[in-house]
């Protein structure tokens, strides 16, 4: 199980524009890596918009924001455009990143057991080390909490 102080798994996924992106390409910057269940759903939209609204403050702290969901490129691109998200969204269709970060979990939905993303955020330092994690995230106010941690790092 991934824990604070571990080297963050270096994943390479397709972006919302269809290009490949490796997490290691952000070395030298802090990375806010947040996993969300599905683009254009209510909770995921609130979370993305809160990160969007704080994006300038994160940038001033040398931090980039990267969102990841199991959605394919087109839904991610539409989500990014619709809500004017100024950060990269990654497409984890095969759930490789979700498994690497331990966020692909059994959940209960309408009384049935299903597999899905456990909404989680990881703060990675400029050297690629996991410094803080949030699991089972409640979206409202979450971006501010992550920003405070990024400022302290």
N, C-alpha and C. Protein backbone atom coordinates (compact mmCIF):
# COMPACT_ATOMS: atom_id res chain seq x y z
N UNK A 1 0.84 -1.19 0.00
CA UNK A 1 0.00 0.00 0.00
C UNK A 1 0.88 1.25 0.00
N UNK A 2 0.58 2.16 -0.86
CA UNK A 2 1.30 3.42 -0.98
C UNK A 2 1.11 4.25 0.30
N UNK A 3 2.20 4.87 0.77
CA UNK A 3 2.09 5.70 1.97
C UNK A 3 2.98 6.93 1.83
N UNK A 4 2.72 7.91 2.68
CA UNK A 4 3.50 9.14 2.66
C UNK A 4 4.97 8.82 2.87
N UNK A 5 5.84 9.48 2.08
CA UNK A 5 7.27 9.24 2.13
C UNK A 5 7.74 8.29 1.04
N UNK A 6 6.80 7.58 0.40
CA UNK A 6 7.14 6.68 -0.71
C UNK A 6 7.36 7.49 -1.98
N UNK A 7 8.14 6.95 -2.88
CA UNK A 7 8.27 7.51 -4.22
C UNK A 7 6.92 7.32 -4.91
N UNK A 8 6.40 8.39 -5.49
CA UNK A 8 5.11 8.30 -6.17
C UNK A 8 5.25 7.45 -7.44
N UNK A 9 4.31 6.53 -7.68
CA UNK A 9 4.38 5.74 -8.91
C UNK A 9 4.40 6.66 -10.13
N UNK A 10 5.33 6.41 -11.04
CA UNK A 10 5.44 7.22 -12.25
C UNK A 10 4.57 6.60 -13.32
N UNK A 11 3.42 7.19 -13.52
CA UNK A 11 2.47 6.68 -14.48
C UNK A 11 2.59 7.46 -15.80
N UNK A 12 2.24 6.82 -16.88
CA UNK A 12 2.15 7.48 -18.18
C UNK A 12 0.79 7.16 -18.76
N UNK A 13 0.00 8.19 -19.03
CA UNK A 13 -1.37 8.03 -19.54
C UNK A 13 -1.64 9.01 -20.66
N UNK A 14 -2.71 8.76 -21.39
CA UNK A 14 -3.17 9.70 -22.40
C UNK A 14 -3.81 10.90 -21.70
N UNK A 15 -3.60 12.08 -22.27
CA UNK A 15 -4.21 13.30 -21.73
C UNK A 15 -5.56 13.53 -22.39
N UNK A 16 -6.23 14.58 -21.94
CA UNK A 16 -7.51 14.98 -22.53
C UNK A 16 -7.36 15.36 -24.00
N UNK A 17 -6.14 15.63 -24.46
CA UNK A 17 -5.91 15.96 -25.87
C UNK A 17 -5.38 14.76 -26.66
N UNK A 18 -5.23 13.60 -25.98
CA UNK A 18 -4.80 12.39 -26.65
C UNK A 18 -3.30 12.14 -26.66
N UNK A 19 -2.52 13.08 -26.13
CA UNK A 19 -1.06 12.90 -26.06
C UNK A 19 -0.72 12.08 -24.83
N UNK A 20 0.45 11.45 -24.85
CA UNK A 20 0.92 10.70 -23.68
C UNK A 20 1.65 11.66 -22.73
N UNK A 21 1.45 11.46 -21.44
CA UNK A 21 2.10 12.29 -20.44
C UNK A 21 2.57 11.42 -19.29
N UNK A 22 3.83 11.57 -18.92
CA UNK A 22 4.40 10.85 -17.77
C UNK A 22 4.39 11.78 -16.57
N UNK A 23 4.02 11.26 -15.43
CA UNK A 23 4.01 12.05 -14.20
C UNK A 23 5.40 12.63 -13.93
N UNK A 24 6.45 11.88 -14.27
CA UNK A 24 7.82 12.32 -14.03
C UNK A 24 8.17 13.58 -14.82
N UNK A 25 7.38 13.94 -15.84
CA UNK A 25 7.66 15.15 -16.61
C UNK A 25 7.46 16.41 -15.77
N UNK A 26 6.85 16.27 -14.60
CA UNK A 26 6.63 17.41 -13.71
C UNK A 26 7.70 17.54 -12.63
N UNK A 27 8.78 16.73 -12.70
CA UNK A 27 9.84 16.84 -11.69
C UNK A 27 10.30 18.29 -11.60
N UNK A 28 10.54 18.75 -10.39
CA UNK A 28 10.91 20.14 -10.17
C UNK A 28 9.72 20.98 -9.75
N UNK A 29 8.52 20.40 -9.84
CA UNK A 29 7.29 21.06 -9.40
C UNK A 29 6.55 20.14 -8.44
N UNK A 30 5.74 20.73 -7.58
CA UNK A 30 4.84 19.94 -6.76
C UNK A 30 3.68 19.52 -7.66
N UNK A 31 3.13 18.35 -7.40
CA UNK A 31 2.01 17.85 -8.19
C UNK A 31 0.84 17.53 -7.26
N UNK A 32 -0.30 18.07 -7.60
CA UNK A 32 -1.56 17.71 -6.95
C UNK A 32 -2.24 16.74 -7.91
N UNK A 33 -2.23 15.48 -7.55
CA UNK A 33 -2.79 14.42 -8.38
C UNK A 33 -4.10 14.00 -7.75
N UNK A 34 -5.21 14.31 -8.45
CA UNK A 34 -6.49 13.95 -7.85
C UNK A 34 -7.26 12.99 -8.74
N UNK A 35 -7.78 11.94 -8.11
CA UNK A 35 -8.56 10.92 -8.79
C UNK A 35 -10.04 11.18 -8.54
N UNK A 36 -10.82 11.13 -9.60
CA UNK A 36 -12.26 11.32 -9.47
C UNK A 36 -12.98 10.24 -10.28
N UNK A 37 -14.19 9.87 -9.86
CA UNK A 37 -14.88 8.75 -10.48
C UNK A 37 -15.29 8.94 -11.95
N UNK A 38 -15.84 10.11 -12.30
CA UNK A 38 -16.35 10.25 -13.66
C UNK A 38 -16.57 11.71 -14.02
N UNK A 39 -16.12 12.08 -15.20
CA UNK A 39 -16.30 13.45 -15.69
C UNK A 39 -17.79 13.78 -15.83
N UNK A 40 -18.09 15.05 -15.60
CA UNK A 40 -19.44 15.59 -15.78
C UNK A 40 -20.48 15.04 -14.82
N UNK A 41 -20.06 14.52 -13.69
CA UNK A 41 -21.01 14.12 -12.65
C UNK A 41 -20.96 15.20 -11.57
N UNK A 42 -22.00 15.32 -10.75
CA UNK A 42 -22.08 16.47 -9.82
C UNK A 42 -20.87 16.66 -8.90
N UNK A 43 -20.48 15.63 -8.16
CA UNK A 43 -19.36 15.78 -7.23
C UNK A 43 -18.05 16.05 -7.94
N UNK A 44 -17.85 15.38 -9.05
CA UNK A 44 -16.61 15.56 -9.81
C UNK A 44 -16.53 16.96 -10.41
N UNK A 45 -17.66 17.50 -10.81
CA UNK A 45 -17.70 18.85 -11.35
C UNK A 45 -17.37 19.87 -10.27
N UNK A 46 -17.96 19.73 -9.10
CA UNK A 46 -17.67 20.65 -7.99
C UNK A 46 -16.18 20.61 -7.66
N UNK A 47 -15.63 19.41 -7.56
CA UNK A 47 -14.21 19.26 -7.22
C UNK A 47 -13.33 19.91 -8.28
N UNK A 48 -13.58 19.62 -9.55
CA UNK A 48 -12.78 20.18 -10.64
C UNK A 48 -12.86 21.71 -10.66
N UNK A 49 -14.06 22.24 -10.45
CA UNK A 49 -14.22 23.70 -10.47
C UNK A 49 -13.54 24.37 -9.28
N UNK A 50 -13.52 23.70 -8.13
CA UNK A 50 -12.78 24.26 -6.99
C UNK A 50 -11.28 24.29 -7.28
N UNK A 51 -10.76 23.22 -7.87
CA UNK A 51 -9.34 23.24 -8.25
C UNK A 51 -9.10 24.31 -9.31
N UNK A 52 -10.00 24.43 -10.27
CA UNK A 52 -9.89 25.48 -11.30
C UNK A 52 -9.82 26.86 -10.66
N UNK A 53 -10.70 27.11 -9.71
CA UNK A 53 -10.77 28.43 -9.08
C UNK A 53 -9.55 28.77 -8.25
N UNK A 54 -8.80 27.76 -7.85
CA UNK A 54 -7.58 27.97 -7.06
C UNK A 54 -6.30 27.73 -7.88
N UNK A 55 -6.43 27.46 -9.16
CA UNK A 55 -5.28 27.08 -9.99
C UNK A 55 -4.17 28.13 -9.95
N UNK A 56 -4.52 29.40 -9.98
CA UNK A 56 -3.50 30.45 -9.93
C UNK A 56 -2.71 30.43 -8.63
N UNK A 57 -3.38 30.16 -7.53
CA UNK A 57 -2.71 30.08 -6.23
C UNK A 57 -1.78 28.88 -6.17
N UNK A 58 -2.20 27.76 -6.77
CA UNK A 58 -1.33 26.58 -6.82
C UNK A 58 -0.09 26.89 -7.65
N UNK A 59 -0.29 27.55 -8.79
CA UNK A 59 0.84 27.89 -9.67
C UNK A 59 1.85 28.77 -8.96
N UNK A 60 1.38 29.70 -8.12
CA UNK A 60 2.29 30.57 -7.36
C UNK A 60 3.12 29.78 -6.35
N UNK A 61 2.67 28.60 -5.99
CA UNK A 61 3.40 27.72 -5.06
C UNK A 61 4.17 26.63 -5.81
N UNK A 62 4.38 26.85 -7.13
CA UNK A 62 5.12 25.90 -7.98
C UNK A 62 4.46 24.52 -7.98
N UNK A 63 3.12 24.52 -8.02
CA UNK A 63 2.37 23.27 -8.01
C UNK A 63 1.48 23.18 -9.24
N UNK A 64 1.46 22.00 -9.85
CA UNK A 64 0.56 21.73 -10.97
C UNK A 64 -0.56 20.81 -10.49
N UNK A 65 -1.71 20.96 -11.10
CA UNK A 65 -2.87 20.13 -10.78
C UNK A 65 -3.08 19.16 -11.95
N UNK A 66 -3.31 17.90 -11.62
CA UNK A 66 -3.58 16.89 -12.63
C UNK A 66 -4.75 16.04 -12.13
N UNK A 67 -5.80 15.96 -12.94
CA UNK A 67 -6.95 15.13 -12.61
C UNK A 67 -6.90 13.83 -13.37
N UNK A 68 -7.37 12.75 -12.75
CA UNK A 68 -7.39 11.43 -13.39
C UNK A 68 -8.73 10.76 -13.13
N UNK A 69 -9.32 10.21 -14.20
CA UNK A 69 -10.50 9.37 -14.06
C UNK A 69 -10.42 8.26 -15.09
N UNK A 70 -11.28 7.26 -14.99
CA UNK A 70 -11.28 6.17 -15.96
C UNK A 70 -11.91 6.55 -17.31
N UNK A 71 -12.30 7.80 -17.47
CA UNK A 71 -12.92 8.24 -18.72
C UNK A 71 -11.94 8.21 -19.88
N UNK A 72 -12.47 8.05 -21.08
CA UNK A 72 -11.68 8.11 -22.30
C UNK A 72 -11.38 9.57 -22.65
N UNK A 73 -10.60 9.77 -23.69
CA UNK A 73 -10.15 11.10 -24.09
C UNK A 73 -11.29 12.07 -24.38
N UNK A 74 -12.27 11.65 -25.17
CA UNK A 74 -13.34 12.58 -25.56
C UNK A 74 -14.14 13.10 -24.36
N UNK A 75 -14.62 12.24 -23.45
CA UNK A 75 -15.33 12.78 -22.29
C UNK A 75 -14.45 13.71 -21.43
N UNK A 76 -13.17 13.38 -21.31
CA UNK A 76 -12.26 14.24 -20.54
C UNK A 76 -12.11 15.60 -21.24
N UNK A 77 -11.93 15.59 -22.55
CA UNK A 77 -11.78 16.83 -23.32
C UNK A 77 -13.04 17.68 -23.21
N UNK A 78 -14.21 17.06 -23.31
CA UNK A 78 -15.46 17.80 -23.20
C UNK A 78 -15.62 18.41 -21.81
N UNK A 79 -15.28 17.65 -20.78
CA UNK A 79 -15.35 18.11 -19.39
C UNK A 79 -14.43 19.32 -19.19
N UNK A 80 -13.21 19.20 -19.69
CA UNK A 80 -12.23 20.28 -19.56
C UNK A 80 -12.72 21.55 -20.25
N UNK A 81 -13.25 21.42 -21.45
CA UNK A 81 -13.74 22.57 -22.21
C UNK A 81 -14.97 23.18 -21.55
N UNK A 82 -15.93 22.36 -21.19
CA UNK A 82 -17.19 22.83 -20.62
C UNK A 82 -16.97 23.67 -19.37
N UNK A 83 -16.03 23.26 -18.52
CA UNK A 83 -15.80 23.95 -17.25
C UNK A 83 -14.53 24.80 -17.25
N UNK A 84 -13.91 24.96 -18.43
CA UNK A 84 -12.72 25.80 -18.58
C UNK A 84 -11.64 25.44 -17.57
N UNK A 85 -11.33 24.16 -17.51
CA UNK A 85 -10.32 23.67 -16.56
C UNK A 85 -8.93 23.96 -17.11
N UNK A 86 -8.10 24.69 -16.37
CA UNK A 86 -6.78 25.08 -16.87
C UNK A 86 -5.68 24.08 -16.57
N UNK A 87 -6.04 22.84 -16.32
CA UNK A 87 -5.05 21.82 -16.00
C UNK A 87 -5.34 20.55 -16.79
N UNK A 88 -4.36 19.66 -16.81
CA UNK A 88 -4.44 18.43 -17.57
C UNK A 88 -5.33 17.40 -16.88
N UNK A 89 -6.12 16.72 -17.69
CA UNK A 89 -6.89 15.57 -17.23
C UNK A 89 -6.32 14.34 -17.90
N UNK A 90 -6.10 13.29 -17.13
CA UNK A 90 -5.54 12.05 -17.66
C UNK A 90 -6.62 10.98 -17.74
N UNK A 91 -6.47 10.12 -18.73
CA UNK A 91 -7.44 9.06 -19.03
C UNK A 91 -6.89 7.72 -18.57
N UNK A 92 -7.44 7.21 -17.49
CA UNK A 92 -6.98 5.95 -16.90
C UNK A 92 -7.97 4.83 -17.23
N UNK A 93 -8.19 4.62 -18.51
CA UNK A 93 -9.20 3.68 -18.98
C UNK A 93 -8.97 2.27 -18.46
N UNK A 94 -7.72 1.83 -18.41
CA UNK A 94 -7.43 0.46 -17.93
C UNK A 94 -7.19 0.40 -16.42
N UNK A 95 -7.33 1.53 -15.74
CA UNK A 95 -7.21 1.64 -14.27
C UNK A 95 -5.81 1.33 -13.74
N UNK A 96 -4.79 1.44 -14.57
CA UNK A 96 -3.41 1.17 -14.14
C UNK A 96 -2.98 2.17 -13.07
N UNK A 97 -3.27 3.44 -13.27
CA UNK A 97 -2.90 4.46 -12.28
C UNK A 97 -3.71 4.28 -11.00
N UNK A 98 -5.01 4.03 -11.16
CA UNK A 98 -5.87 3.83 -9.99
C UNK A 98 -5.38 2.66 -9.14
N UNK A 99 -4.95 1.60 -9.79
CA UNK A 99 -4.42 0.45 -9.06
C UNK A 99 -3.07 0.79 -8.41
N UNK A 100 -2.21 1.51 -9.14
CA UNK A 100 -0.89 1.89 -8.60
C UNK A 100 -1.02 2.75 -7.35
N UNK A 101 -2.05 3.60 -7.32
CA UNK A 101 -2.25 4.50 -6.19
C UNK A 101 -3.25 3.94 -5.17
N UNK A 102 -3.76 2.75 -5.43
CA UNK A 102 -4.65 2.10 -4.47
C UNK A 102 -6.01 2.76 -4.33
N UNK A 103 -6.54 3.32 -5.42
CA UNK A 103 -7.83 4.00 -5.34
C UNK A 103 -8.94 3.27 -6.10
N UNK A 104 -8.63 2.14 -6.74
CA UNK A 104 -9.64 1.32 -7.41
C UNK A 104 -10.16 0.37 -6.35
N UNK A 105 -11.37 0.63 -5.86
CA UNK A 105 -11.89 -0.06 -4.68
C UNK A 105 -13.29 -0.60 -4.90
N UNK A 106 -13.65 -1.56 -4.07
CA UNK A 106 -15.03 -2.02 -4.06
C UNK A 106 -15.85 -0.99 -3.30
N UNK A 107 -16.97 -0.60 -3.90
CA UNK A 107 -17.85 0.39 -3.29
C UNK A 107 -19.27 -0.16 -3.28
N UNK A 108 -20.10 0.42 -2.46
CA UNK A 108 -21.50 0.04 -2.42
C UNK A 108 -22.31 1.14 -3.10
N UNK A 109 -23.07 0.75 -4.14
CA UNK A 109 -23.87 1.73 -4.85
C UNK A 109 -25.29 1.17 -5.01
N UNK A 110 -26.23 1.86 -4.41
CA UNK A 110 -27.63 1.42 -4.45
C UNK A 110 -27.78 -0.01 -3.96
N UNK A 111 -27.01 -0.35 -2.93
CA UNK A 111 -27.10 -1.67 -2.32
C UNK A 111 -26.31 -2.76 -3.02
N UNK A 112 -25.63 -2.41 -4.12
CA UNK A 112 -24.84 -3.40 -4.84
C UNK A 112 -23.36 -3.10 -4.69
N UNK A 113 -22.56 -4.16 -4.69
CA UNK A 113 -21.10 -4.00 -4.65
C UNK A 113 -20.60 -3.79 -6.07
N UNK A 114 -19.87 -2.70 -6.27
CA UNK A 114 -19.29 -2.38 -7.58
C UNK A 114 -17.85 -1.91 -7.38
N UNK A 115 -17.06 -2.01 -8.42
CA UNK A 115 -15.70 -1.48 -8.37
C UNK A 115 -15.73 -0.06 -8.92
N UNK A 116 -14.96 0.81 -8.29
CA UNK A 116 -14.91 2.19 -8.75
C UNK A 116 -13.79 2.97 -8.09
N UNK A 117 -13.65 4.21 -8.50
CA UNK A 117 -12.62 5.11 -7.95
C UNK A 117 -13.04 5.62 -6.58
N UNK A 118 -12.15 5.48 -5.62
CA UNK A 118 -12.33 6.13 -4.33
C UNK A 118 -11.72 7.52 -4.48
N UNK A 119 -12.57 8.54 -4.43
CA UNK A 119 -12.10 9.92 -4.64
C UNK A 119 -10.93 10.20 -3.70
N UNK A 120 -9.77 10.49 -4.28
CA UNK A 120 -8.54 10.64 -3.50
C UNK A 120 -7.64 11.69 -4.14
N UNK A 121 -6.81 12.32 -3.32
CA UNK A 121 -5.85 13.31 -3.80
C UNK A 121 -4.49 13.01 -3.18
N UNK A 122 -3.44 13.21 -3.99
CA UNK A 122 -2.07 12.97 -3.55
C UNK A 122 -1.25 14.21 -3.83
N UNK A 123 -0.50 14.67 -2.83
CA UNK A 123 0.41 15.80 -2.99
C UNK A 123 1.82 15.23 -3.08
N UNK A 124 2.44 15.47 -4.23
CA UNK A 124 3.77 14.93 -4.52
C UNK A 124 4.75 16.09 -4.58
N UNK A 125 5.91 15.93 -3.94
CA UNK A 125 6.88 17.03 -3.92
C UNK A 125 7.67 17.09 -5.23
N UNK A 126 8.54 18.08 -5.32
CA UNK A 126 9.30 18.34 -6.56
C UNK A 126 10.26 17.21 -6.92
N UNK A 127 10.56 16.33 -5.96
CA UNK A 127 11.45 15.20 -6.22
C UNK A 127 10.68 13.91 -6.52
N UNK A 128 9.35 14.00 -6.55
CA UNK A 128 8.54 12.83 -6.88
C UNK A 128 8.18 11.96 -5.69
N UNK A 129 8.24 12.54 -4.47
CA UNK A 129 7.92 11.79 -3.25
C UNK A 129 6.53 12.19 -2.76
N UNK A 130 5.73 11.19 -2.40
CA UNK A 130 4.40 11.44 -1.87
C UNK A 130 4.52 12.08 -0.50
N UNK A 131 3.96 13.27 -0.35
CA UNK A 131 4.06 13.99 0.93
C UNK A 131 2.77 14.00 1.73
N UNK A 132 1.63 13.93 1.04
CA UNK A 132 0.36 13.90 1.77
C UNK A 132 -0.68 13.25 0.87
N UNK A 133 -1.63 12.56 1.51
CA UNK A 133 -2.71 11.95 0.76
C UNK A 133 -4.04 12.18 1.48
N UNK A 134 -5.08 12.28 0.69
CA UNK A 134 -6.44 12.41 1.19
C UNK A 134 -7.26 11.32 0.52
N UNK A 135 -7.92 10.51 1.30
CA UNK A 135 -8.75 9.43 0.75
C UNK A 135 -10.21 9.69 1.15
N UNK A 136 -11.11 9.14 0.38
CA UNK A 136 -12.55 9.33 0.61
C UNK A 136 -12.86 10.82 0.76
N UNK A 137 -12.40 11.59 -0.19
CA UNK A 137 -12.49 13.05 -0.17
C UNK A 137 -13.95 13.51 -0.21
N UNK A 138 -14.24 14.49 0.63
CA UNK A 138 -15.49 15.26 0.55
C UNK A 138 -15.12 16.50 -0.25
N UNK A 139 -15.81 16.75 -1.35
CA UNK A 139 -15.32 17.73 -2.32
C UNK A 139 -15.35 19.19 -1.87
N UNK A 140 -16.38 19.61 -1.18
CA UNK A 140 -16.49 21.03 -0.85
C UNK A 140 -15.40 21.45 0.13
N UNK A 141 -14.60 22.44 -0.28
CA UNK A 141 -13.50 22.94 0.53
C UNK A 141 -12.22 22.14 0.41
N UNK A 142 -12.25 21.06 -0.34
CA UNK A 142 -11.07 20.20 -0.45
C UNK A 142 -9.89 20.91 -1.12
N UNK A 143 -10.14 21.66 -2.17
CA UNK A 143 -9.05 22.33 -2.89
C UNK A 143 -8.30 23.29 -1.96
N UNK A 144 -9.02 23.98 -1.09
CA UNK A 144 -8.36 24.89 -0.14
C UNK A 144 -7.48 24.12 0.84
N UNK A 145 -7.94 22.97 1.28
CA UNK A 145 -7.15 22.14 2.19
C UNK A 145 -5.87 21.68 1.52
N UNK A 146 -5.96 21.27 0.26
CA UNK A 146 -4.77 20.83 -0.49
C UNK A 146 -3.84 22.01 -0.73
N UNK A 147 -4.40 23.16 -1.03
CA UNK A 147 -3.57 24.37 -1.24
C UNK A 147 -2.79 24.71 0.02
N UNK A 148 -3.42 24.63 1.18
CA UNK A 148 -2.72 24.91 2.44
C UNK A 148 -1.55 23.93 2.63
N UNK A 149 -1.75 22.67 2.28
CA UNK A 149 -0.67 21.68 2.41
C UNK A 149 0.44 21.97 1.40
N UNK A 150 0.08 22.40 0.20
CA UNK A 150 1.08 22.71 -0.83
C UNK A 150 1.92 23.92 -0.41
N UNK A 151 1.29 24.88 0.23
CA UNK A 151 2.01 26.07 0.70
C UNK A 151 3.02 25.70 1.77
N UNK A 152 2.67 24.71 2.62
CA UNK A 152 3.54 24.30 3.72
C UNK A 152 4.68 23.40 3.26
N UNK A 153 4.60 22.89 2.06
CA UNK A 153 5.60 21.94 1.56
C UNK A 153 6.83 22.64 1.03
